[in-house]
Structure formats: C-alpha cells, structure tokens
N, C-alpha and C. Protein backbone atom coordinates (compact mmCIF):
# COMPACT_ATOMS: atom_id res chain seq x y z
N UNK A 1 -5.37 31.65 -36.27
CA UNK A 1 -4.32 30.73 -37.14
C UNK A 1 -5.14 29.40 -36.97
N UNK A 2 -4.92 28.78 -37.69
CA UNK A 2 -5.53 27.26 -37.67
C UNK A 2 -4.82 26.27 -36.75
N UNK A 3 -5.74 25.70 -36.05
CA UNK A 3 -5.12 24.66 -35.03
C UNK A 3 -4.21 23.63 -35.65
N UNK A 4 -3.07 23.20 -35.30
CA UNK A 4 -2.48 22.07 -36.02
C UNK A 4 -2.93 20.79 -35.66
N UNK A 5 -3.51 20.02 -36.56
CA UNK A 5 -4.01 18.60 -36.18
C UNK A 5 -3.10 17.62 -36.91
N UNK A 6 -2.10 17.83 -37.44
CA UNK A 6 -1.03 17.14 -38.20
C UNK A 6 -0.93 15.97 -37.48
N UNK A 7 -0.52 14.81 -38.28
CA UNK A 7 -0.20 13.56 -37.66
C UNK A 7 1.21 13.77 -36.71
N UNK A 8 2.08 14.80 -37.17
CA UNK A 8 3.23 14.73 -36.32
C UNK A 8 2.97 15.44 -34.98
N UNK A 9 1.93 16.18 -34.89
CA UNK A 9 1.69 16.57 -33.47
C UNK A 9 0.95 15.39 -32.80
N UNK A 10 0.06 14.64 -33.16
CA UNK A 10 -0.58 13.38 -32.79
C UNK A 10 0.37 12.45 -32.52
N UNK A 11 1.47 12.28 -32.99
CA UNK A 11 2.23 11.05 -32.72
C UNK A 11 3.53 11.37 -31.78
N UNK A 12 3.53 12.33 -30.85
CA UNK A 12 4.49 12.71 -30.09
C UNK A 12 4.85 11.59 -29.18
N UNK A 13 6.04 11.44 -28.93
CA UNK A 13 6.33 10.41 -27.98
C UNK A 13 6.77 10.70 -26.58
N UNK A 14 6.52 9.82 -25.69
CA UNK A 14 6.84 10.11 -24.34
C UNK A 14 8.40 10.47 -24.21
N UNK A 15 8.61 11.22 -23.10
CA UNK A 15 10.09 11.56 -23.09
C UNK A 15 11.00 10.47 -22.69
N UNK A 16 10.66 9.25 -22.12
CA UNK A 16 11.37 8.31 -21.80
C UNK A 16 10.96 7.11 -22.73
N UNK A 17 11.75 6.57 -23.68
CA UNK A 17 11.29 5.46 -24.38
C UNK A 17 11.98 4.45 -23.68
N UNK A 18 11.61 3.28 -23.76
CA UNK A 18 12.14 1.88 -23.31
C UNK A 18 11.76 0.89 -24.15
N UNK A 19 12.58 -0.37 -23.96
CA UNK A 19 12.36 -1.58 -24.48
C UNK A 19 11.24 -2.26 -24.00
N UNK A 20 10.35 -2.48 -24.70
CA UNK A 20 8.95 -3.11 -24.21
C UNK A 20 9.27 -4.76 -23.99
N UNK A 21 8.97 -5.31 -22.68
CA UNK A 21 9.29 -6.48 -22.24
C UNK A 21 8.50 -7.61 -23.01
N UNK A 22 7.33 -7.00 -23.44
CA UNK A 22 6.22 -8.15 -23.81
C UNK A 22 5.78 -7.89 -25.28
N UNK A 23 6.61 -7.46 -26.29
CA UNK A 23 6.43 -7.21 -27.46
C UNK A 23 6.08 -8.24 -28.31
N UNK A 24 6.72 -9.54 -28.15
CA UNK A 24 6.28 -10.65 -28.87
C UNK A 24 4.76 -11.07 -28.47
N UNK A 25 4.57 -10.86 -27.41
CA UNK A 25 3.06 -11.45 -26.84
C UNK A 25 2.07 -10.47 -27.27
N UNK A 26 2.36 -9.09 -27.16
CA UNK A 26 1.45 -8.13 -28.00
C UNK A 26 1.07 -8.13 -29.09
N UNK A 27 2.38 -8.58 -30.05
CA UNK A 27 2.05 -8.83 -31.49
C UNK A 27 1.49 -10.18 -31.83
N UNK A 28 1.63 -11.11 -31.03
CA UNK A 28 0.95 -12.25 -31.13
C UNK A 28 -0.69 -12.27 -30.90
N UNK A 29 -0.73 -11.58 -29.81
CA UNK A 29 -2.35 -11.25 -29.59
C UNK A 29 -3.14 -10.39 -30.63
N UNK A 30 -2.21 -9.38 -30.91
CA UNK A 30 -2.86 -8.33 -32.11
C UNK A 30 -3.03 -9.19 -33.36
N UNK A 31 -2.13 -10.11 -33.58
CA UNK A 31 -2.46 -10.91 -34.83
C UNK A 31 -3.60 -11.99 -34.77
N UNK A 32 -3.87 -12.35 -33.51
CA UNK A 32 -5.11 -13.27 -33.17
C UNK A 32 -6.21 -12.17 -33.42
N UNK A 33 -6.14 -11.20 -32.80
CA UNK A 33 -7.43 -10.18 -33.17
C UNK A 33 -7.51 -9.83 -34.49
N UNK A 34 -6.57 -9.67 -35.14
CA UNK A 34 -6.63 -9.29 -36.64
C UNK A 34 -7.57 -10.45 -37.42
N UNK A 35 -7.04 -11.46 -37.29
CA UNK A 35 -7.50 -12.72 -37.74
C UNK A 35 -9.09 -12.99 -37.31
N UNK A 36 -9.18 -12.68 -36.13
CA UNK A 36 -10.79 -12.74 -35.76
C UNK A 36 -11.63 -11.53 -36.27
N UNK A 37 -11.09 -10.47 -36.47
CA UNK A 37 -11.72 -9.47 -37.04
C UNK A 37 -12.01 -9.87 -38.57
N UNK A 38 -10.99 -10.36 -39.17
CA UNK A 38 -11.38 -10.74 -40.57
C UNK A 38 -12.45 -11.88 -40.71
N UNK A 39 -12.55 -12.84 -39.69
CA UNK A 39 -13.61 -13.86 -39.61
C UNK A 39 -14.86 -13.15 -39.24
N UNK A 40 -14.97 -12.17 -38.57
CA UNK A 40 -16.14 -11.37 -38.27
C UNK A 40 -16.60 -10.65 -39.78
N UNK A 41 -15.72 -10.33 -40.35
CA UNK A 41 -15.94 -9.45 -41.93
C UNK A 41 -16.75 -10.49 -42.70
N UNK A 42 -16.08 -11.66 -42.64
CA UNK A 42 -16.69 -13.00 -43.50
C UNK A 42 -18.08 -13.15 -42.80
N UNK A 43 -18.27 -13.20 -41.81
CA UNK A 43 -19.65 -13.40 -41.09
C UNK A 43 -20.67 -12.49 -41.55
N UNK A 44 -20.36 -11.18 -41.55
CA UNK A 44 -20.96 -10.10 -42.11
C UNK A 44 -21.45 -10.41 -43.63
N UNK A 45 -20.38 -10.63 -44.49
CA UNK A 45 -20.46 -10.69 -45.94
C UNK A 45 -21.43 -12.05 -46.04
N UNK A 46 -21.11 -12.98 -45.17
CA UNK A 46 -22.13 -14.30 -45.33
C UNK A 46 -23.69 -13.92 -44.92
N UNK A 47 -23.87 -12.88 -44.54
CA UNK A 47 -25.34 -12.74 -43.86
C UNK A 47 -25.40 -13.40 -42.67
N UNK A 48 -24.51 -13.72 -41.70
CA UNK A 48 -24.91 -14.46 -40.67
C UNK A 48 -25.56 -13.61 -39.74
N UNK A 49 -26.33 -14.41 -38.79
CA UNK A 49 -27.15 -13.73 -37.80
C UNK A 49 -26.42 -12.75 -36.86
N UNK A 50 -27.27 -11.58 -36.86
CA UNK A 50 -26.58 -10.41 -36.09
C UNK A 50 -26.24 -10.89 -34.61
N UNK A 51 -26.66 -11.81 -34.12
CA UNK A 51 -26.49 -11.97 -32.75
C UNK A 51 -24.99 -12.76 -32.64
N UNK A 52 -24.84 -13.65 -33.44
CA UNK A 52 -23.61 -14.29 -33.75
C UNK A 52 -22.30 -13.34 -34.04
N UNK A 53 -22.84 -12.27 -34.81
CA UNK A 53 -21.71 -11.22 -35.07
C UNK A 53 -21.22 -10.37 -34.08
N UNK A 54 -22.45 -10.02 -33.13
CA UNK A 54 -22.38 -9.11 -32.03
C UNK A 54 -21.47 -10.06 -31.03
N UNK A 55 -21.70 -11.30 -30.85
CA UNK A 55 -20.93 -12.04 -29.85
C UNK A 55 -19.28 -11.81 -30.18
N UNK A 56 -19.40 -12.21 -31.42
CA UNK A 56 -17.96 -11.97 -31.89
C UNK A 56 -17.20 -10.66 -31.89
N UNK A 57 -17.78 -9.80 -32.15
CA UNK A 57 -17.47 -8.18 -31.75
C UNK A 57 -17.24 -7.94 -30.34
N UNK A 58 -17.83 -8.49 -29.52
CA UNK A 58 -17.80 -8.39 -28.12
C UNK A 58 -16.53 -8.94 -27.70
N UNK A 59 -16.24 -10.19 -28.37
CA UNK A 59 -14.95 -11.12 -28.15
C UNK A 59 -13.76 -10.23 -28.48
N UNK A 60 -13.77 -9.65 -29.66
CA UNK A 60 -12.74 -8.68 -30.17
C UNK A 60 -12.54 -7.37 -29.43
N UNK A 61 -13.50 -6.93 -28.97
CA UNK A 61 -13.33 -5.82 -27.97
C UNK A 61 -12.70 -6.39 -26.85
N UNK A 62 -13.24 -7.41 -26.10
CA UNK A 62 -12.43 -7.85 -24.74
C UNK A 62 -11.00 -8.24 -25.11
N UNK A 63 -10.67 -8.59 -26.17
CA UNK A 63 -9.12 -9.01 -26.49
C UNK A 63 -8.50 -7.83 -26.67
N UNK A 64 -8.99 -6.75 -27.44
CA UNK A 64 -8.35 -5.42 -27.52
C UNK A 64 -8.09 -4.64 -26.13
N UNK A 65 -9.22 -4.85 -25.34
CA UNK A 65 -9.05 -4.36 -23.94
C UNK A 65 -7.83 -4.99 -23.21
N UNK A 66 -7.74 -6.34 -23.32
CA UNK A 66 -6.76 -6.92 -22.56
C UNK A 66 -5.18 -6.70 -23.07
N UNK A 67 -5.16 -6.65 -24.40
CA UNK A 67 -3.82 -6.31 -24.98
C UNK A 67 -3.51 -4.81 -24.89
N UNK A 68 -4.33 -3.73 -24.45
CA UNK A 68 -4.21 -2.65 -24.12
C UNK A 68 -3.73 -2.51 -22.78
N UNK A 69 -4.19 -3.27 -21.89
CA UNK A 69 -3.92 -3.50 -20.41
C UNK A 69 -2.21 -4.01 -20.38
N UNK A 70 -1.98 -4.84 -21.31
CA UNK A 70 -0.52 -5.46 -21.29
C UNK A 70 0.28 -4.31 -21.72
N UNK A 71 -0.05 -3.66 -22.57
CA UNK A 71 0.78 -2.33 -22.99
C UNK A 71 0.63 -1.29 -21.92
N UNK A 72 -0.28 -1.09 -21.35
CA UNK A 72 -0.25 0.11 -20.36
C UNK A 72 0.31 -0.30 -18.98
N UNK A 73 0.41 -1.81 -18.74
CA UNK A 73 1.12 -2.27 -17.45
C UNK A 73 2.60 -2.17 -17.63
N UNK A 74 2.98 -2.55 -18.89
CA UNK A 74 4.33 -2.15 -19.47
C UNK A 74 4.86 -0.84 -19.11
N UNK A 75 3.90 0.09 -19.58
CA UNK A 75 4.50 1.70 -19.63
C UNK A 75 4.29 2.05 -18.22
N UNK A 76 3.37 1.61 -17.51
CA UNK A 76 3.36 1.93 -15.90
C UNK A 76 4.42 1.58 -15.01
N UNK A 77 4.95 0.19 -15.44
CA UNK A 77 6.12 -0.45 -14.75
C UNK A 77 7.38 0.48 -15.09
N UNK A 78 7.59 0.99 -16.35
CA UNK A 78 8.70 1.85 -16.70
C UNK A 78 8.50 3.17 -16.06
N UNK A 79 7.41 3.76 -16.20
CA UNK A 79 7.20 4.96 -15.42
C UNK A 79 7.78 5.04 -13.99
N UNK A 80 7.21 3.99 -13.42
CA UNK A 80 7.49 4.09 -11.82
C UNK A 80 9.17 3.60 -11.56
N UNK A 81 9.71 2.96 -12.65
CA UNK A 81 11.06 2.84 -12.39
C UNK A 81 11.84 4.16 -12.85
N UNK A 82 11.55 4.92 -13.88
CA UNK A 82 12.05 6.19 -14.02
C UNK A 82 11.81 7.27 -13.02
N UNK A 83 10.80 7.08 -12.34
CA UNK A 83 10.42 8.20 -11.19
C UNK A 83 11.19 7.74 -9.90
N UNK A 84 12.08 6.47 -10.01
CA UNK A 84 13.23 6.36 -8.97
C UNK A 84 12.30 5.14 -7.95
N UNK A 85 11.17 4.51 -8.25
CA UNK A 85 10.57 3.71 -7.44
C UNK A 85 11.03 2.23 -7.89
N UNK A 86 11.92 1.55 -6.93
CA UNK A 86 12.46 0.40 -7.23
C UNK A 86 11.67 -0.81 -7.04
N UNK A 87 11.93 -1.67 -8.18
CA UNK A 87 10.78 -2.89 -8.15
C UNK A 87 10.91 -3.69 -6.81
N UNK A 88 12.11 -3.50 -6.10
CA UNK A 88 12.22 -4.10 -4.66
C UNK A 88 11.41 -3.40 -3.65
N UNK A 89 10.82 -2.31 -3.93
CA UNK A 89 9.85 -1.70 -2.93
C UNK A 89 8.48 -2.20 -3.10
N UNK A 90 8.26 -3.46 -2.65
CA UNK A 90 7.12 -4.19 -3.03
C UNK A 90 5.95 -3.59 -2.63
N UNK A 91 5.74 -2.86 -1.69
CA UNK A 91 4.54 -2.14 -0.93
C UNK A 91 4.27 -1.26 -2.18
N UNK A 92 4.92 -0.39 -2.65
CA UNK A 92 4.43 0.71 -3.73
C UNK A 92 4.17 -0.05 -4.90
N UNK A 93 5.04 -0.82 -5.46
CA UNK A 93 4.60 -1.82 -6.58
C UNK A 93 3.17 -2.63 -6.51
N UNK A 94 2.99 -3.12 -5.42
CA UNK A 94 1.84 -4.16 -5.24
C UNK A 94 0.68 -3.09 -5.02
N UNK A 95 0.77 -1.89 -4.40
CA UNK A 95 -0.38 -1.27 -4.21
C UNK A 95 -0.73 -0.64 -5.61
N UNK A 96 0.13 -0.16 -6.30
CA UNK A 96 -0.24 0.28 -7.56
C UNK A 96 -0.67 -0.87 -8.89
N UNK A 97 -0.16 -1.88 -8.50
CA UNK A 97 -0.64 -3.05 -9.42
C UNK A 97 -2.04 -3.26 -8.84
N UNK A 98 -2.24 -3.48 -7.61
CA UNK A 98 -3.59 -3.71 -7.04
C UNK A 98 -4.67 -2.70 -7.85
N UNK A 99 -4.32 -1.43 -7.76
CA UNK A 99 -5.25 -0.61 -8.17
C UNK A 99 -5.60 -0.61 -9.78
N UNK A 100 -4.24 -1.00 -10.23
CA UNK A 100 -4.59 -1.12 -11.84
C UNK A 100 -5.46 -2.26 -12.20
N UNK A 101 -5.06 -3.42 -11.48
CA UNK A 101 -5.85 -4.63 -11.54
C UNK A 101 -7.39 -4.43 -11.29
N UNK A 102 -7.70 -3.64 -10.35
CA UNK A 102 -9.17 -3.44 -10.01
C UNK A 102 -9.95 -2.56 -10.90
N UNK A 103 -9.16 -1.45 -11.59
CA UNK A 103 -9.76 -0.76 -12.66
C UNK A 103 -9.86 -1.56 -14.12
N UNK A 104 -8.92 -2.41 -14.17
CA UNK A 104 -9.04 -3.15 -15.45
C UNK A 104 -9.46 -4.59 -15.13
C-alpha cells in the first residue's frame, strides 16, 4: 500500500490548542520578513552584487530563526502549563527557559 503523504496527514494539530499570546508580534515580524524577501528579490533582478544579496539573505534567515523562537517559546510555555507545571514554580520555568535560551 502506498504511503500517505497528503497534506491532511502533514497538518495534524497538537492535542491541546491554545490562544497564542504573541500573535500580533509574530504577524508583524513575518510581515517585515516578507518585505525584506521582496527587496532581496528586487536586488537579484537588478543584478546587485552577490555579497550584498547574501548579507540580506543571512539577515532574513536570522529573522526567521527569531520569529520561530517566539512561536516555539509560546508553545513550550503552554506545554508546561498543560503538564501541570505552574508558572509560579520559578525553579522549573527558569531552568527550562535557561536551556531554551542557551540553545537558541
């Protein structure tokens, strides 16, 4: 039997949905990234120097990583909350946040 690679299978959601606290900030960052990518496209179309283009691509990559961190951090906080770990338990939250920040 063929392996199911439909988009339905690929878009399964996590069992606990939540309201994202930083939706507006994430959307704003993504809008800025979108504009930045468009400007890079224009740079390429205008035959700008490859070094300049690569610097801008690196900046977009960094911005994508940062917005991903915001989304992941929100998700992690929600997972800890659903696991019964209270935000008042500062030792656990601080420890997880320190590891998270060290990795990213």
